[in-house]
Amino acid sequence: MFLVVKGKLRLQFEGAAETSLSEGDFCVVPRGTLHNPVADEECWIVLIETVTTKHTGDVMTPLTKSIESQMD
């Protein structure tokens, strides 16, 4: 779930239209849905996800970190 505290956020979804969120708006991304959050300017968000959520999905990149290293 993305909750916008300050600013604006766009959520791009694979194969679907994007969603624009303003302060106070939130969006729940369905499990397994590929998405890309985009902020053109500074944006404060609250991101709520399960601890098992992989931040880069099933794609391994140099930015991918294990859950254990994210908890440090």
PDB file of N, CA and C in Angstrom:
ATOM      1  N   MET A   1       0.846  -1.177   0.000  1.00  0.00           N
ATOM      2  CA  MET A   1       0.000   0.000   0.000  1.00  0.00           C
ATOM      3  C   MET A   1       0.887   1.234   0.000  1.00  0.00           C
ATOM      4  N   PHE A   2       0.593   2.172  -0.847  1.00  0.00           N
ATOM      5  CA  PHE A   2       1.275   3.461  -0.896  1.00  0.00           C
ATOM      6  C   PHE A   2       0.323   4.524  -0.361  1.00  0.00           C
ATOM      7  N   LEU A   3       0.756   5.295   0.617  1.00  0.00           N
ATOM      8  CA  LEU A   3      -0.001   6.425   1.146  1.00  0.00           C
ATOM      9  C   LEU A   3       0.842   7.671   0.946  1.00  0.00           C
ATOM     10  N   VAL A   4       0.314   8.649   0.240  1.00  0.00           N
ATOM     11  CA  VAL A   4       1.053   9.891  -0.012  1.00  0.00           C
ATOM     12  C   VAL A   4       0.810  10.866   1.140  1.00  0.00           C
ATOM     13  N   VAL A   5       1.891  11.234   1.805  1.00  0.00           N
ATOM     14  CA  VAL A   5       1.826  12.179   2.922  1.00  0.00           C
ATOM     15  C   VAL A   5       2.017  13.610   2.418  1.00  0.00           C
ATOM     16  N   LYS A   6       2.932  13.776   1.459  1.00  0.00           N
ATOM     17  CA  LYS A   6       3.226  15.100   0.917  1.00  0.00           C
ATOM     18  C   LYS A   6       3.662  14.939  -0.534  1.00  0.00           C
ATOM     19  N   GLY A   7       3.179  15.795  -1.402  1.00  0.00           N
ATOM     20  CA  GLY A   7       3.573  15.762  -2.804  1.00  0.00           C
ATOM     21  C   GLY A   7       2.636  14.926  -3.650  1.00  0.00           C
ATOM     22  N   LYS A   8       3.166  14.462  -4.771  1.00  0.00           N
ATOM     23  CA  LYS A   8       2.383  13.669  -5.723  1.00  0.00           C
ATOM     24  C   LYS A   8       3.199  12.461  -6.159  1.00  0.00           C
ATOM     25  N   LEU A   9       2.501  11.377  -6.435  1.00  0.00           N
ATOM     26  CA  LEU A   9       3.130  10.134  -6.851  1.00  0.00           C
ATOM     27  C   LEU A   9       2.325   9.531  -7.989  1.00  0.00           C
ATOM     28  N   ARG A  10       3.032   9.020  -8.991  1.00  0.00           N
ATOM     29  CA  ARG A  10       2.374   8.276 -10.066  1.00  0.00           C
ATOM     30  C   ARG A  10       2.756   6.818  -9.910  1.00  0.00           C
ATOM     31  N   LEU A  11       1.787   5.929 -10.055  1.00  0.00           N
ATOM     32  CA  LEU A  11       2.052   4.498 -10.055  1.00  0.00           C
ATOM     33  C   LEU A  11       1.773   3.977 -11.454  1.00  0.00           C
ATOM     34  N   GLN A  12       2.812   3.452 -12.074  1.00  0.00           N
ATOM     35  CA  GLN A  12       2.679   2.876 -13.406  1.00  0.00           C
ATOM     36  C   GLN A  12       2.517   1.374 -13.247  1.00  0.00           C
ATOM     37  N   PHE A  13       1.531   0.818 -13.942  1.00  0.00           N
ATOM     38  CA  PHE A  13       1.258  -0.609 -13.875  1.00  0.00           C
ATOM     39  C   PHE A  13       1.489  -1.226 -15.245  1.00  0.00           C
ATOM     40  N   GLU A  14       2.119  -2.389 -15.271  1.00  0.00           N
ATOM     41  CA  GLU A  14       2.374  -3.068 -16.534  1.00  0.00           C
ATOM     42  C   GLU A  14       1.055  -3.436 -17.207  1.00  0.00           C
ATOM     43  N   GLY A  15       0.885  -2.996 -18.443  1.00  0.00           N
ATOM     44  CA  GLY A  15      -0.293  -3.330 -19.214  1.00  0.00           C
ATOM     45  C   GLY A  15      -1.564  -2.600 -18.809  1.00  0.00           C
ATOM     46  N   ALA A  16      -1.435  -1.532 -18.005  1.00  0.00           N
ATOM     47  CA  ALA A  16      -2.625  -0.787 -17.566  1.00  0.00           C
ATOM     48  C   ALA A  16      -2.279   0.700 -17.477  1.00  0.00           C
ATOM     49  N   ALA A  17      -3.314   1.493 -17.341  1.00  0.00           N
ATOM     50  CA  ALA A  17      -3.112   2.939 -17.180  1.00  0.00           C
ATOM     51  C   ALA A  17      -2.425   3.220 -15.843  1.00  0.00           C
ATOM     52  N   GLU A  18      -1.780   4.373 -15.754  1.00  0.00           N
ATOM     53  CA  GLU A  18      -1.151   4.732 -14.488  1.00  0.00           C
ATOM     54  C   GLU A  18      -2.151   5.444 -13.592  1.00  0.00           C
ATOM     55  N   THR A  19      -1.834   5.465 -12.303  1.00  0.00           N
ATOM     56  CA  THR A  19      -2.668   6.101 -11.297  1.00  0.00           C
ATOM     57  C   THR A  19      -1.886   7.256 -10.678  1.00  0.00           C
ATOM     58  N   SER A  20      -2.525   8.406 -10.534  1.00  0.00           N
ATOM     59  CA  SER A  20      -1.894   9.565  -9.893  1.00  0.00           C
ATOM     60  C   SER A  20      -2.457   9.729  -8.495  1.00  0.00           C
ATOM     61  N   LEU A  21      -1.556   9.904  -7.535  1.00  0.00           N
ATOM     62  CA  LEU A  21      -1.953  10.075  -6.143  1.00  0.00           C
ATOM     63  C   LEU A  21      -1.471  11.424  -5.625  1.00  0.00           C
ATOM     64  N   SER A  22      -2.309  12.098  -4.857  1.00  0.00           N
ATOM     65  CA  SER A  22      -1.962  13.360  -4.202  1.00  0.00           C
ATOM     66  C   SER A  22      -1.960  13.151  -2.699  1.00  0.00           C
ATOM     67  N   GLU A  23      -1.623  14.195  -1.960  1.00  0.00           N
ATOM     68  CA  GLU A  23      -1.580  14.113  -0.498  1.00  0.00           C
ATOM     69  C   GLU A  23      -2.879  13.523   0.045  1.00  0.00           C
ATOM     70  N   GLY A  24      -2.745  12.529   0.914  1.00  0.00           N
ATOM     71  CA  GLY A  24      -3.892  11.889   1.535  1.00  0.00           C
ATOM     72  C   GLY A  24      -4.453  10.722   0.746  1.00  0.00           C
ATOM     73  N   ASP A  25      -4.029  10.560  -0.511  1.00  0.00           N
ATOM     74  CA  ASP A  25      -4.504   9.445  -1.327  1.00  0.00           C
ATOM     75  C   ASP A  25      -3.678   8.199  -1.034  1.00  0.00           C
ATOM     76  N   PHE A  26      -4.293   7.036  -1.247  1.00  0.00           N
ATOM     77  CA  PHE A  26      -3.549   5.800  -1.126  1.00  0.00           C
ATOM     78  C   PHE A  26      -3.985   4.828  -2.205  1.00  0.00           C
ATOM     79  N   CYS A  27      -3.128   3.855  -2.454  1.00  0.00           N
ATOM     80  CA  CYS A  27      -3.411   2.830  -3.454  1.00  0.00           C
ATOM     81  C   CYS A  27      -2.880   1.505  -2.938  1.00  0.00           C
ATOM     82  N   VAL A  28      -3.712   0.481  -2.994  1.00  0.00           N
ATOM     83  CA  VAL A  28      -3.292  -0.876  -2.651  1.00  0.00           C
ATOM     84  C   VAL A  28      -2.975  -1.588  -3.960  1.00  0.00           C
ATOM     85  N   VAL A  29      -1.740  -2.041  -4.094  1.00  0.00           N
ATOM     86  CA  VAL A  29      -1.317  -2.747  -5.294  1.00  0.00           C
ATOM     87  C   VAL A  29      -1.579  -4.235  -5.086  1.00  0.00           C
ATOM     88  N   PRO A  30      -2.374  -4.836  -5.956  1.00  0.00           N
ATOM     89  CA  PRO A  30      -2.664  -6.258  -5.791  1.00  0.00           C
ATOM     90  C   PRO A  30      -1.400  -7.118  -5.855  1.00  0.00           C
ATOM     91  N   ARG A  31      -1.368  -8.171  -5.075  1.00  0.00           N
ATOM     92  CA  ARG A  31      -0.231  -9.083  -5.041  1.00  0.00           C
ATOM     93  C   ARG A  31       0.103  -9.568  -6.453  1.00  0.00           C
ATOM     94  N   GLY A  32       1.385  -9.546  -6.785  1.00  0.00           N
ATOM     95  CA  GLY A  32       1.842 -10.037  -8.081  1.00  0.00           C
ATOM     96  C   GLY A  32       1.738  -9.042  -9.219  1.00  0.00           C
ATOM     97  N   THR A  33       1.256  -7.831  -8.953  1.00  0.00           N
ATOM     98  CA  THR A  33       1.119  -6.814  -9.993  1.00  0.00           C
ATOM     99  C   THR A  33       2.428  -6.043 -10.134  1.00  0.00           C
ATOM    100  N   LEU A  34       3.013  -6.059 -11.332  1.00  0.00           N
ATOM    101  CA  LEU A  34       4.231  -5.287 -11.561  1.00  0.00           C
ATOM    102  C   LEU A  34       3.883  -3.802 -11.579  1.00  0.00           C
ATOM    103  N   HIS A  35       4.641  -3.015 -10.827  1.00  0.00           N
ATOM    104  CA  HIS A  35       4.351  -1.588 -10.728  1.00  0.00           C
ATOM    105  C   HIS A  35       5.642  -0.805 -10.562  1.00  0.00           C
ATOM    106  N   ASN A  36       5.566   0.473 -10.907  1.00  0.00           N
ATOM    107  CA  ASN A  36       6.716   1.362 -10.828  1.00  0.00           C
ATOM    108  C   ASN A  36       6.259   2.694 -10.243  1.00  0.00           C
ATOM    109  N   PRO A  37       6.661   3.019  -9.007  1.00  0.00           N
ATOM    110  CA  PRO A  37       6.306   4.316  -8.441  1.00  0.00           C
ATOM    111  C   PRO A  37       7.221   5.406  -8.996  1.00  0.00           C
ATOM    112  N   VAL A  38       6.637   6.553  -9.379  1.00  0.00           N
ATOM    113  CA  VAL A  38       7.395   7.655  -9.962  1.00  0.00           C
ATOM    114  C   VAL A  38       7.000   8.950  -9.265  1.00  0.00           C
ATOM    115  N   ALA A  39       8.000   9.685  -8.768  1.00  0.00           N
ATOM    116  CA  ALA A  39       7.775  11.011  -8.189  1.00  0.00           C
ATOM    117  C   ALA A  39       8.626  11.995  -8.986  1.00  0.00           C
ATOM    118  N   ASP A  40       7.988  12.933  -9.669  1.00  0.00           N
ATOM    119  CA  ASP A  40       8.718  13.916 -10.461  1.00  0.00           C
ATOM    120  C   ASP A  40       9.400  14.953  -9.577  1.00  0.00           C
ATOM    121  N   GLU A  41       8.858  15.150  -8.396  1.00  0.00           N
ATOM    122  CA  GLU A  41       9.455  16.042  -7.398  1.00  0.00           C
ATOM    123  C   GLU A  41       9.416  15.319  -6.058  1.00  0.00           C
ATOM    124  N   GLU A  42       9.986  15.931  -5.027  1.00  0.00           N
ATOM    125  CA  GLU A  42      10.020  15.293  -3.714  1.00  0.00           C
ATOM    126  C   GLU A  42       8.619  14.865  -3.291  1.00  0.00           C
ATOM    127  N   CYS A  43       8.541  13.653  -2.794  1.00  0.00           N
ATOM    128  CA  CYS A  43       7.262  13.082  -2.377  1.00  0.00           C
ATOM    129  C   CYS A  43       7.498  12.251  -1.120  1.00  0.00           C
ATOM    130  N   TRP A  44       6.673  12.462  -0.104  1.00  0.00           N
ATOM    131  CA  TRP A  44       6.772  11.677   1.124  1.00  0.00           C
ATOM    132  C   TRP A  44       5.675  10.623   1.083  1.00  0.00           C
ATOM    133  N   ILE A  45       6.062   9.371   1.313  1.00  0.00           N
ATOM    134  CA  ILE A  45       5.068   8.304   1.303  1.00  0.00           C
ATOM    135  C   ILE A  45       5.228   7.417   2.531  1.00  0.00           C
ATOM    136  N   VAL A  46       4.166   6.716   2.836  1.00  0.00           N
ATOM    137  CA  VAL A  46       4.218   5.604   3.777  1.00  0.00           C
ATOM    138  C   VAL A  46       3.994   4.367   2.925  1.00  0.00           C
ATOM    139  N   LEU A  47       4.927   3.442   2.994  1.00  0.00           N
ATOM    140  CA  LEU A  47       4.839   2.203   2.222  1.00  0.00           C
ATOM    141  C   LEU A  47       4.631   1.064   3.201  1.00  0.00           C
ATOM    142  N   ILE A  48       3.538   0.353   3.030  1.00  0.00           N
ATOM    143  CA  ILE A  48       3.233  -0.780   3.903  1.00  0.00           C
ATOM    144  C   ILE A  48       3.218  -2.033   3.048  1.00  0.00           C
ATOM    145  N   GLU A  49       4.083  -2.989   3.419  1.00  0.00           N
ATOM    146  CA  GLU A  49       4.130  -4.252   2.698  1.00  0.00           C
ATOM    147  C   GLU A  49       4.556  -5.354   3.658  1.00  0.00           C
ATOM    148  N   THR A  50       4.292  -6.585   3.270  1.00  0.00           N
ATOM    149  CA  THR A  50       4.693  -7.694   4.124  1.00  0.00           C
ATOM    150  C   THR A  50       6.208  -7.810   4.139  1.00  0.00           C
ATOM    151  N   VAL A  51       6.754  -8.380   5.176  1.00  0.00           N
ATOM    152  CA  VAL A  51       8.203  -8.510   5.302  1.00  0.00           C
ATOM    153  C   VAL A  51       8.772  -9.422   4.212  1.00  0.00           C
ATOM    154  N   THR A  52       7.972 -10.264   3.639  1.00  0.00           N
ATOM    155  CA  THR A  52       8.448 -11.186   2.604  1.00  0.00           C
ATOM    156  C   THR A  52       8.433 -10.577   1.204  1.00  0.00           C
ATOM    157  N   THR A  53       7.956  -9.342   1.067  1.00  0.00           N
ATOM    158  CA  THR A  53       7.913  -8.700  -0.248  1.00  0.00           C
ATOM    159  C   THR A  53       9.327  -8.402  -0.732  1.00  0.00           C
ATOM    160  N   LYS A  54       9.654  -8.878  -1.919  1.00  0.00           N
ATOM    161  CA  LYS A  54      10.962  -8.614  -2.515  1.00  0.00           C
ATOM    162  C   LYS A  54      10.899  -7.254  -3.211  1.00  0.00           C
ATOM    163  N   HIS A  55      11.781  -6.344  -2.851  1.00  0.00           N
ATOM    164  CA  HIS A  55      11.694  -4.971  -3.361  1.00  0.00           C
ATOM    165  C   HIS A  55      12.010  -4.845  -4.840  1.00  0.00           C
ATOM    166  N   THR A  56      12.637  -5.853  -5.439  1.00  0.00           N
ATOM    167  CA  THR A  56      12.845  -5.834  -6.885  1.00  0.00           C
ATOM    168  C   THR A  56      12.103  -6.996  -7.550  1.00  0.00           C
ATOM    169  N   GLY A  57      11.115  -7.536  -6.856  1.00  0.00           N
ATOM    170  CA  GLY A  57      10.347  -8.654  -7.403  1.00  0.00           C
ATOM    171  C   GLY A  57      11.239  -9.858  -7.610  1.00  0.00           C
ATOM    172  N   ASP A  58      11.031 -10.569  -8.695  1.00  0.00           N
ATOM    173  CA  ASP A  58      11.848 -11.746  -9.001  1.00  0.00           C
ATOM    174  C   ASP A  58      13.045 -11.398  -9.877  1.00  0.00           C
ATOM    175  N   VAL A  59      13.277 -10.098 -10.105  1.00  0.00           N
ATOM    176  CA  VAL A  59      14.390  -9.637 -10.929  1.00  0.00           C
ATOM    177  C   VAL A  59      15.588  -9.359 -10.032  1.00  0.00           C
ATOM    178  N   MET A  60      16.739  -9.938 -10.369  1.00  0.00           N
ATOM    179  CA  MET A  60      17.965  -9.691  -9.610  1.00  0.00           C
ATOM    180  C   MET A  60      18.751  -8.581 -10.309  1.00  0.00           C
ATOM    181  N   THR A  61      19.046  -7.507  -9.564  1.00  0.00           N
ATOM    182  CA  THR A  61      19.849  -6.398 -10.074  1.00  0.00           C
ATOM    183  C   THR A  61      20.915  -6.082  -9.043  1.00  0.00           C
ATOM    184  N   PRO A  62      21.862  -5.210  -9.353  1.00  0.00           N
ATOM    185  CA  PRO A  62      22.846  -4.805  -8.344  1.00  0.00           C
ATOM    186  C   PRO A  62      22.194  -4.123  -7.132  1.00  0.00           C
ATOM    187  N   LEU A  63      20.966  -3.637  -7.280  1.00  0.00           N
ATOM    188  CA  LEU A  63      20.271  -2.973  -6.176  1.00  0.00           C
ATOM    189  C   LEU A  63      19.511  -3.949  -5.288  1.00  0.00           C
ATOM    190  N   THR A  64      19.384  -5.204  -5.708  1.00  0.00           N
ATOM    191  CA  THR A  64      18.643  -6.199  -4.939  1.00  0.00           C
ATOM    192  C   THR A  64      19.359  -6.499  -3.635  1.00  0.00           C
ATOM    193  N   LYS A  65      18.607  -6.455  -2.536  1.00  0.00           N
ATOM    194  CA  LYS A  65      19.150  -6.778  -1.214  1.00  0.00           C
ATOM    195  C   LYS A  65      18.277  -7.844  -0.573  1.00  0.00           C
ATOM    196  N   SER A  66      18.898  -8.706   0.194  1.00  0.00           N
ATOM    197  CA  SER A  66      18.135  -9.734   0.899  1.00  0.00           C
ATOM    198  C   SER A  66      17.302  -9.067   1.998  1.00  0.00           C
ATOM    199  N   ILE A  67      16.296  -9.785   2.451  1.00  0.00           N
ATOM    200  CA  ILE A  67      15.469  -9.256   3.540  1.00  0.00           C
ATOM    201  C   ILE A  67      16.330  -9.040   4.776  1.00  0.00           C
ATOM    202  N   GLU A  68      17.262  -9.960   5.032  1.00  0.00           N
ATOM    203  CA  GLU A  68      18.131  -9.828   6.195  1.00  0.00           C
ATOM    204  C   GLU A  68      18.964  -8.546   6.143  1.00  0.00           C
ATOM    205  N   SER A  69      19.518  -8.212   4.964  1.00  0.00           N
ATOM    206  CA  SER A  69      20.334  -6.998   4.872  1.00  0.00           C
ATOM    207  C   SER A  69      19.477  -5.731   4.943  1.00  0.00           C
ATOM    208  N   GLN A  70      18.211  -5.819   4.551  1.00  0.00           N
ATOM    209  CA  GLN A  70      17.331  -4.664   4.671  1.00  0.00           C
ATOM    210  C   GLN A  70      16.976  -4.374   6.123  1.00  0.00           C
ATOM    211  N   MET A  71      17.038  -5.384   6.974  1.00  0.00           N
ATOM    212  CA  MET A  71      16.657  -5.235   8.378  1.00  0.00           C
ATOM    213  C   MET A  71      17.809  -4.670   9.222  1.00  0.00           C
ATOM    214  N   ASP A  72      19.029  -4.623   8.673  1.00  0.00           N
ATOM    215  CA  ASP A  72      20.182  -4.096   9.426  1.00  0.00           C
ATOM    216  C   ASP A  72      20.094  -2.619   9.632  1.00  0.00           C
TER     217      ASP A  72
END
